[in-house]
Amino acid sequence: METEYKTPGQLIEAQLEQRGWSQRFLSTVLGMSESTLNKLITGKQAVTAEIAIALEEVFEVPADQFLALQKDFDLARARLVTRPDPARAMRAQLFGGLPVPEMIKRGWLDGADVRNVLSIEIALTKFFGVGSLNEIEVLPHAAKKTDVVSETTAAQLAWLYRVRQIAAEMIVAPFSPFGVRRALGQLKQLILSVEETRKVPRVLAEAGIRFVIVESLPGAKIDGVCFWLDDASPVIGMSLRHDRIDNFWFVLRHELEHVIQGHGKGQISIDAGLEGEKAGLGEGVPEEERVANAAAAEFCVPKKSMDAFVARKAPVFAERDIRSLASALQIHPGLVAGQLQHRTGRYDRFRDHLVKVRAVVAPGAAVDGWGDVAPVGP
């Protein structure tokens, strides 16, 4: 393309001069008025694809050359008259990473309307407790107010903020290491039946632990988290995205071990996808998580008992044997079934024992999701 032409009009004029044609002659050949042709040449009217093809036929100049000049001209003109808005890129990062429509639907963004950008911006700053959009820590440059690990996604961070909002409103007993040890003993007495899980929120509150259940946001794959509002205020958040008795107790005991070890006082790691290898003791699992996984597995089914059971019964695990082991250990058969699934990698088996618990636990807990919105003060 000839670089000296800045507009399609300049190219048209050059072609006319080269041929010694007048604008009146060209307008006649093109079948358009002189005024229209003049507007094309002066840039007051854009060269369309149809006009570009007509010019190509007349001048034997490729139509895309006229269109390319028109595009460059339009862009240059737009840059002169369009007011820069640095916030556009920021909004793209925020709205692209955060599930804003779902957050509005869930009642997390007070007063936000999905059709009103300003209302969303105001609601987001309120939700994240900041003075302006560029302080929201899902943005790469923003300060990390929650000390989360860098791999945490925007949706996971939003979930964490909701858990923290709810936890901050809760009143529980004073926290102490003795209270946690006592709670562990009490919780161990509750793993025999589904109905007993309803007592879990009370046991944890009496131990000074804020227990919050928040439905996971789409795609976040969150299972749980442990963090501290201050040095004496631990919080356990769970999503119950897998509504099964084995998963409930494993994740709860996993997060409780984080509390016992003081994890989460520094950098917070949200436990997402806490299953398969991530629920094990492999070298690829961080040390804090291995400690929590070992404690959770031991709580659900003591390792010594599980090892012996697998050694005796593998490769066939009969239903009566699962029930017999559960009865001997005074635990729900679903906990044995869950550990068997993890050890064998056969998650399609033993599923009849994996009963649901959310409907039992939720009435006594601080819950947000599944149609309910937890009351949080302004």
Protein backbone atom coordinates (compact mmCIF):
# COMPACT_ATOMS: atom_id res chain seq x y z
CA MET A 1 0.00 0.00 0.00
CA GLU A 2 1.27 3.53 -0.86
CA THR A 3 2.17 5.05 2.51
CA GLU A 4 1.79 8.69 1.33
CA TYR A 5 -2.00 8.40 1.31
CA LYS A 6 -3.58 9.02 4.70
CA THR A 7 -7.21 8.86 3.63
CA PRO A 8 -9.21 7.14 0.89
CA GLY A 9 -10.04 10.63 -0.40
CA GLN A 10 -6.36 11.34 -1.02
CA LEU A 11 -6.06 8.11 -3.01
CA ILE A 12 -9.14 9.00 -5.08
CA GLU A 13 -7.72 12.47 -5.83
CA ALA A 14 -4.40 10.97 -6.88
CA GLN A 15 -6.15 8.58 -9.25
CA LEU A 16 -8.15 11.46 -10.77
CA GLU A 17 -5.00 13.55 -11.25
CA GLN A 18 -3.14 10.63 -12.79
CA ARG A 19 -5.90 10.16 -15.36
CA GLY A 20 -6.78 13.83 -15.84
CA TRP A 21 -10.37 13.17 -14.81
CA SER A 22 -12.69 15.62 -13.11
CA GLN A 23 -14.84 14.85 -10.09
CA ARG A 24 -17.91 15.40 -12.28
CA PHE A 25 -16.70 12.74 -14.73
CA LEU A 26 -15.99 10.23 -11.92
CA SER A 27 -19.34 10.86 -10.27
CA THR A 28 -21.03 10.11 -13.59
CA VAL A 29 -19.04 6.89 -14.03
CA LEU A 30 -19.82 5.78 -10.47
CA GLY A 31 -23.46 6.77 -10.76
CA MET A 32 -23.44 9.02 -7.72
CA SER A 33 -23.94 12.74 -7.16
CA GLU A 34 -21.02 15.16 -7.17
CA SER A 35 -21.84 16.17 -3.60
CA THR A 36 -21.58 12.55 -2.44
CA LEU A 37 -18.25 12.11 -4.23
CA ASN A 38 -16.99 15.35 -2.69
CA LYS A 39 -17.90 14.09 0.79
CA LEU A 40 -15.95 10.88 0.10
CA ILE A 41 -12.90 12.84 -0.97
CA THR A 42 -13.03 15.29 1.97
CA GLY A 43 -13.63 12.52 4.50
CA LYS A 44 -17.11 13.67 5.47
CA GLN A 45 -18.55 10.35 4.30
CA ALA A 46 -16.97 6.94 4.78
CA VAL A 47 -15.99 4.64 1.92
CA THR A 48 -18.12 1.53 2.29
CA ALA A 49 -17.30 -1.92 0.98
CA GLU A 50 -19.70 -1.39 -1.93
CA ILE A 51 -18.10 1.94 -2.88
CA ALA A 52 -14.62 0.42 -2.52
CA ILE A 53 -15.57 -2.30 -5.03
CA ALA A 54 -16.88 0.32 -7.46
CA LEU A 55 -13.63 2.30 -7.16
CA GLU A 56 -11.66 -0.89 -7.71
CA GLU A 57 -13.53 -1.47 -10.98
CA VAL A 58 -12.91 2.10 -12.14
CA PHE A 59 -9.30 2.63 -11.03
CA GLU A 60 -8.07 -1.01 -10.95
CA VAL A 61 -6.88 -0.36 -7.39
CA PRO A 62 -7.71 -3.16 -4.88
CA ALA A 63 -10.83 -2.42 -2.87
CA ASP A 64 -9.13 -3.44 0.36
CA GLN A 65 -6.65 -0.58 -0.12
CA PHE A 66 -9.48 1.97 0.07
CA LEU A 67 -11.01 0.16 3.04
CA ALA A 68 -7.70 -0.04 4.89
CA LEU A 69 -7.18 3.70 4.48
CA GLN A 70 -10.74 4.31 5.68
CA LYS A 71 -10.17 2.15 8.74
CA ASP A 72 -6.92 3.93 9.64
CA PHE A 73 -8.56 7.31 9.10
CA ASP A 74 -11.56 6.42 11.27
CA LEU A 75 -9.30 5.16 14.04
CA ALA A 76 -7.06 8.23 13.96
CA ARG A 77 -10.09 10.52 14.07
CA ALA A 78 -11.61 8.55 16.93
CA ARG A 79 -8.41 8.85 18.96
CA LEU A 80 -8.61 12.62 18.63
CA VAL A 81 -12.20 12.95 19.80
CA THR A 82 -12.55 10.04 22.22
CA ARG A 83 -11.82 10.80 25.85
CA PRO A 84 -9.38 8.25 27.33
CA ASP A 85 -10.82 6.12 30.14
CA PRO A 86 -8.08 4.22 32.04
CA ALA A 87 -10.79 2.54 34.11
CA ARG A 88 -11.96 0.48 31.12
CA ALA A 89 -9.06 -1.98 31.37
CA MET A 90 -9.56 -2.19 35.12
CA ARG A 91 -13.27 -2.90 34.72
CA ALA A 92 -12.45 -5.59 32.15
CA GLN A 93 -10.12 -7.28 34.65
CA LEU A 94 -12.65 -7.06 37.46
CA PHE A 95 -15.75 -8.03 35.53
CA GLY A 96 -13.87 -10.68 33.58
CA GLY A 97 -12.47 -12.36 36.68
CA LEU A 98 -15.34 -11.92 39.10
CA PRO A 99 -18.69 -13.65 38.54
CA VAL A 100 -20.51 -10.33 38.95
CA PRO A 101 -23.97 -11.52 37.78
CA GLU A 102 -23.82 -14.43 40.22
CA MET A 103 -22.66 -12.14 43.05
CA ILE A 104 -25.61 -9.85 42.32
CA LYS A 105 -27.98 -12.81 42.22
CA ARG A 106 -26.63 -14.06 45.54
CA GLY A 107 -27.23 -10.67 47.18
CA TRP A 108 -23.55 -9.95 47.78
CA LEU A 109 -23.47 -6.68 45.83
CA ASP A 110 -25.96 -4.41 47.53
CA GLY A 111 -27.82 -2.10 45.13
CA ALA A 112 -26.00 -3.35 42.04
CA ASP A 113 -27.78 -3.61 38.70
CA VAL A 114 -26.12 -5.76 36.03
CA ARG A 115 -27.15 -3.13 33.45
CA ASN A 116 -25.65 -0.24 35.43
CA VAL A 117 -21.84 -0.19 35.54
CA LEU A 118 -21.65 2.61 38.12
CA SER A 119 -23.88 0.75 40.56
CA ILE A 120 -21.69 -2.35 40.18
CA GLU A 121 -18.53 -0.35 40.81
CA ILE A 122 -19.99 1.19 43.98
CA ALA A 123 -21.18 -2.21 45.22
CA LEU A 124 -17.80 -3.86 44.53
CA THR A 125 -15.88 -1.24 46.50
CA LYS A 126 -18.29 -1.74 49.39
CA PHE A 127 -18.04 -5.54 49.19
CA PHE A 128 -14.23 -5.52 49.24
CA GLY A 129 -14.09 -2.70 51.79
CA VAL A 130 -11.97 -0.31 49.71
CA GLY A 131 -12.22 3.31 48.66
CA SER A 132 -11.83 2.83 44.92
CA LEU A 133 -11.92 0.14 42.26
CA ASN A 134 -8.16 0.03 41.76
CA GLU A 135 -7.68 -1.04 45.39
CA ILE A 136 -9.65 -4.29 44.93
CA GLU A 137 -7.06 -6.99 45.39
CA VAL A 138 -8.20 -9.19 42.53
CA LEU A 139 -6.33 -6.66 40.37
CA PRO A 140 -2.65 -7.52 39.81
CA HIS A 141 -1.33 -4.20 41.17
CA ALA A 142 -3.55 -3.95 44.25
CA ALA A 143 -2.27 -4.51 47.77
CA LYS A 144 -3.08 -7.95 49.16
CA LYS A 145 -5.15 -7.21 52.23
CA THR A 146 -5.99 -10.84 53.01
CA ASP A 147 -2.52 -12.40 52.56
CA VAL A 148 -3.85 -14.98 50.13
CA VAL A 149 -1.53 -17.10 48.02
CA SER A 150 -0.89 -15.76 44.53
CA GLU A 151 -2.65 -18.68 42.84
CA THR A 152 -6.01 -17.73 44.34
CA THR A 153 -8.54 -16.84 41.63
CA ALA A 154 -10.81 -13.80 41.70
CA ALA A 155 -13.88 -15.97 42.31
CA GLN A 156 -12.17 -17.76 45.20
CA LEU A 157 -11.13 -14.45 46.72
CA ALA A 158 -14.69 -13.13 46.47
CA TRP A 159 -15.90 -16.28 48.26
CA LEU A 160 -13.30 -15.73 50.97
CA TYR A 161 -14.42 -12.14 51.46
CA ARG A 162 -18.01 -13.31 51.91
CA VAL A 163 -16.95 -15.85 54.52
CA ARG A 164 -15.00 -13.14 56.33
CA GLN A 165 -17.95 -10.72 56.23
CA ILE A 166 -20.23 -13.27 57.85
CA ALA A 167 -17.63 -14.45 60.37
CA ALA A 168 -17.01 -10.88 61.53
CA GLU A 169 -20.68 -10.63 62.57
CA MET A 170 -20.65 -13.82 64.65
CA ILE A 171 -20.41 -14.04 68.43
CA VAL A 172 -18.68 -17.15 69.81
CA ALA A 173 -17.03 -18.21 73.05
CA PRO A 174 -13.41 -17.17 73.76
CA PHE A 175 -10.90 -19.27 71.85
CA SER A 176 -8.36 -21.45 73.61
CA PRO A 177 -6.23 -24.50 72.71
CA PHE A 178 -8.00 -26.40 75.49
CA GLY A 179 -11.36 -25.58 73.95
CA VAL A 180 -10.23 -26.97 70.60
CA ARG A 181 -9.00 -30.23 72.16
CA ARG A 182 -12.32 -30.59 73.96
CA ALA A 183 -14.16 -29.88 70.70
CA LEU A 184 -12.19 -32.61 68.93
CA GLY A 185 -13.39 -35.15 71.47
CA GLN A 186 -16.97 -33.96 71.11
CA LEU A 187 -16.83 -34.06 67.31
CA LYS A 188 -15.50 -37.60 67.40
CA GLN A 189 -18.72 -38.61 69.14
CA LEU A 190 -20.81 -37.17 66.29
CA ILE A 191 -19.45 -39.17 63.34
CA LEU A 192 -21.66 -42.19 63.92
CA SER A 193 -24.82 -40.76 62.34
CA VAL A 194 -25.89 -38.07 59.90
CA GLU A 195 -28.31 -36.54 62.41
CA GLU A 196 -25.50 -35.77 64.83
CA THR A 197 -23.82 -33.42 62.35
CA ARG A 198 -26.39 -30.77 63.31
CA LYS A 199 -24.42 -30.26 66.55
CA VAL A 200 -21.19 -29.32 64.76
CA PRO A 201 -21.78 -25.53 64.58
CA ARG A 202 -22.54 -25.35 68.30
CA VAL A 203 -19.49 -27.42 69.26
CA LEU A 204 -17.21 -25.20 67.21
CA ALA A 205 -18.77 -21.97 68.52
CA GLU A 206 -18.26 -23.15 72.10
CA ALA A 207 -14.58 -23.70 71.21
CA GLY A 208 -14.29 -20.13 69.92
CA ILE A 209 -14.23 -21.08 66.25
CA ARG A 210 -16.45 -19.23 63.79
CA PHE A 211 -17.94 -21.79 61.40
CA VAL A 212 -19.38 -20.45 58.14
CA ILE A 213 -20.92 -22.26 55.19
CA VAL A 214 -20.95 -20.33 51.90
CA GLU A 215 -21.98 -21.92 48.64
CA SER A 216 -19.10 -22.02 46.19
CA LEU A 217 -19.17 -19.67 43.22
CA PRO A 218 -19.33 -21.31 39.76
CA GLY A 219 -16.00 -22.77 38.70
CA ALA A 220 -14.23 -21.92 41.98
CA LYS A 221 -14.09 -25.56 43.20
CA ILE A 222 -13.71 -24.37 46.78
CA ASP A 223 -13.96 -26.89 49.61
CA GLY A 224 -12.82 -24.95 52.64
CA VAL A 225 -10.52 -22.42 54.27
CA CYS A 226 -9.01 -21.57 57.61
CA PHE A 227 -8.02 -18.02 58.51
CA TRP A 228 -7.97 -15.71 61.53
CA LEU A 229 -9.77 -12.42 62.09
CA ASP A 230 -7.10 -11.81 64.76
CA ASP A 231 -4.79 -13.99 66.82
CA ALA A 232 -7.66 -15.26 68.95
CA SER A 233 -10.43 -15.52 66.34
CA PRO A 234 -10.08 -18.51 63.99
CA VAL A 235 -12.57 -19.01 61.17
CA ILE A 236 -13.42 -22.20 59.30
CA GLY A 237 -15.26 -21.68 56.04
CA MET A 238 -16.74 -24.54 54.02
CA SER A 239 -18.68 -24.69 50.76
CA LEU A 240 -20.19 -28.20 50.99
CA ARG A 241 -19.93 -28.36 47.19
CA HIS A 242 -19.74 -32.13 47.64
CA ASP A 243 -22.76 -32.82 49.81
CA ARG A 244 -21.49 -36.10 51.26
CA ILE A 245 -20.86 -37.18 54.81
CA ASP A 246 -17.29 -38.33 54.10
CA ASN A 247 -16.33 -35.08 52.41
CA PHE A 248 -17.94 -33.01 55.16
CA TRP A 249 -15.95 -34.64 57.94
CA PHE A 250 -12.70 -34.81 55.99
CA VAL A 251 -12.77 -31.12 55.02
CA LEU A 252 -13.92 -30.02 58.48
CA ARG A 253 -11.16 -31.98 60.25
CA HIS A 254 -8.64 -30.77 57.65
CA GLU A 255 -9.50 -27.12 58.39
CA LEU A 256 -9.61 -27.80 62.14
CA GLU A 257 -6.04 -29.08 61.96
CA HIS A 258 -5.07 -25.79 60.33
CA VAL A 259 -6.59 -24.04 63.36
CA ILE A 260 -4.70 -26.30 65.78
CA GLN A 261 -1.41 -25.69 63.98
CA GLY A 262 -2.00 -21.94 63.68
CA HIS A 263 -2.01 -22.11 59.90
CA GLY A 264 -3.68 -19.22 58.12
CA LYS A 265 -2.32 -16.56 60.48
CA GLY A 266 0.25 -15.74 57.82
CA GLN A 267 -0.58 -16.61 54.24
CA ILE A 268 -4.08 -17.93 53.57
CA SER A 269 -4.48 -20.87 51.23
CA ILE A 270 -8.00 -21.70 50.14
CA ASP A 271 -8.49 -25.45 49.90
CA ALA A 272 -9.91 -25.97 46.41
CA GLY A 273 -10.31 -29.39 44.83
CA LEU A 274 -9.46 -31.12 48.11
CA GLU A 275 -9.73 -34.61 46.69
CA GLY A 276 -7.59 -37.24 44.97
CA GLU A 277 -3.88 -36.43 45.19
CA LYS A 278 -4.51 -33.08 46.89
CA ALA A 279 -6.15 -34.95 49.77
CA GLY A 280 -3.14 -37.24 50.13
CA LEU A 281 0.40 -37.19 51.48
CA GLY A 282 2.39 -37.12 48.23
CA GLU A 283 5.53 -35.05 47.73
CA GLY A 284 3.63 -32.61 45.54
CA VAL A 285 1.39 -31.62 48.47
CA PRO A 286 2.66 -28.70 50.62
CA GLU A 287 3.73 -29.63 54.14
CA GLU A 288 0.87 -27.78 55.86
CA GLU A 289 -1.64 -29.57 53.67
CA ARG A 290 -0.04 -32.98 54.27
CA VAL A 291 -0.33 -32.43 58.02
CA ALA A 292 -3.99 -31.45 57.68
CA ASN A 293 -4.73 -34.33 55.29
CA ALA A 294 -3.16 -36.89 57.63
CA ALA A 295 -5.16 -35.60 60.60
CA ALA A 296 -8.39 -35.60 58.58
CA ALA A 297 -7.91 -39.14 57.29
CA GLU A 298 -7.01 -40.41 60.77
CA PHE A 299 -10.09 -38.73 62.23
CA CYS A 300 -12.43 -40.28 59.66
CA VAL A 301 -10.94 -43.79 59.77
CA PRO A 302 -7.80 -44.56 61.81
CA LYS A 303 -4.98 -45.45 59.41
CA LYS A 304 -4.04 -48.61 61.28
CA SER A 305 -7.62 -49.92 61.06
CA MET A 306 -7.94 -48.93 57.42
CA ASP A 307 -4.64 -50.55 56.45
CA ALA A 308 -5.64 -53.80 58.12
CA PHE A 309 -9.07 -53.76 56.50
CA VAL A 310 -7.64 -53.23 53.01
CA ALA A 311 -4.99 -55.92 53.54
CA ARG A 312 -7.64 -58.45 54.59
CA LYS A 313 -10.40 -57.65 52.11
CA ALA A 314 -8.75 -56.38 48.90
CA PRO A 315 -9.61 -56.52 46.08
CA VAL A 316 -13.24 -57.21 47.01
CA PHE A 317 -14.92 -54.97 49.57
CA ALA A 318 -18.36 -56.31 50.42
CA GLU A 319 -21.09 -54.05 51.75
CA ARG A 320 -21.40 -56.09 54.93
CA ASP A 321 -17.67 -55.71 55.58
CA ILE A 322 -17.88 -51.93 55.23
CA ARG A 323 -20.77 -51.81 57.69
CA SER A 324 -18.98 -54.17 60.07
CA LEU A 325 -15.83 -52.01 60.17
CA ALA A 326 -17.89 -48.84 60.62
CA SER A 327 -19.79 -50.43 63.50
CA ALA A 328 -16.59 -51.57 65.19
CA LEU A 329 -15.09 -48.08 64.92
CA GLN A 330 -18.34 -46.33 65.87
CA ILE A 331 -18.37 -44.24 62.70
CA HIS A 332 -20.76 -43.81 59.80
CA PRO A 333 -20.20 -46.33 56.94
CA GLY A 334 -19.85 -43.38 54.57
CA LEU A 335 -16.50 -42.50 56.15
CA VAL A 336 -15.16 -45.97 55.39
CA ALA A 337 -16.59 -45.77 51.88
CA GLY A 338 -14.95 -42.39 51.30
CA GLN A 339 -11.53 -43.62 52.41
CA LEU A 340 -11.93 -46.72 50.21
CA GLN A 341 -12.70 -44.51 47.22
CA HIS A 342 -9.59 -42.44 47.90
CA ARG A 343 -7.33 -45.46 48.31
CA THR A 344 -8.62 -47.42 45.33
CA GLY A 345 -9.29 -44.47 43.03
CA ARG A 346 -12.71 -45.99 42.33
CA TYR A 347 -15.01 -43.05 42.96
CA ASP A 348 -17.87 -44.85 41.25
CA ARG A 349 -18.09 -47.45 44.02
CA PHE A 350 -19.60 -47.53 47.53
CA ARG A 351 -21.69 -44.44 46.74
CA ASP A 352 -24.82 -45.66 48.53
CA HIS A 353 -23.10 -44.92 51.84
CA LEU A 354 -22.21 -41.32 50.92
CA VAL A 355 -25.34 -39.70 52.29
CA LYS A 356 -26.05 -35.96 52.19
CA VAL A 357 -25.49 -33.76 55.24
CA ARG A 358 -26.04 -30.14 54.22
CA ALA A 359 -29.74 -30.10 55.10
CA VAL A 360 -28.86 -31.39 58.58
CA VAL A 361 -25.89 -29.09 59.29
CA ALA A 362 -27.20 -25.87 57.76
CA PRO A 363 -30.06 -25.01 60.17
CA GLY A 364 -27.64 -24.50 63.05
CA ALA A 365 -24.89 -22.77 61.07
CA ALA A 366 -24.22 -19.37 59.51
CA VAL A 367 -25.13 -20.15 55.90
CA ASP A 368 -25.07 -18.16 52.66
CA GLY A 369 -26.23 -19.72 49.43
CA TRP A 370 -28.74 -22.12 47.96
CA GLY A 371 -31.34 -19.35 47.97
CA ASP A 372 -30.49 -17.94 51.39
CA VAL A 373 -28.55 -14.72 52.00
CA ALA A 374 -26.73 -14.38 55.31
CA PRO A 375 -27.55 -11.09 57.05
CA VAL A 376 -24.46 -8.90 57.10
CA GLY A 377 -24.44 -5.43 58.57
CA PRO A 378 -23.50 -2.30 56.57
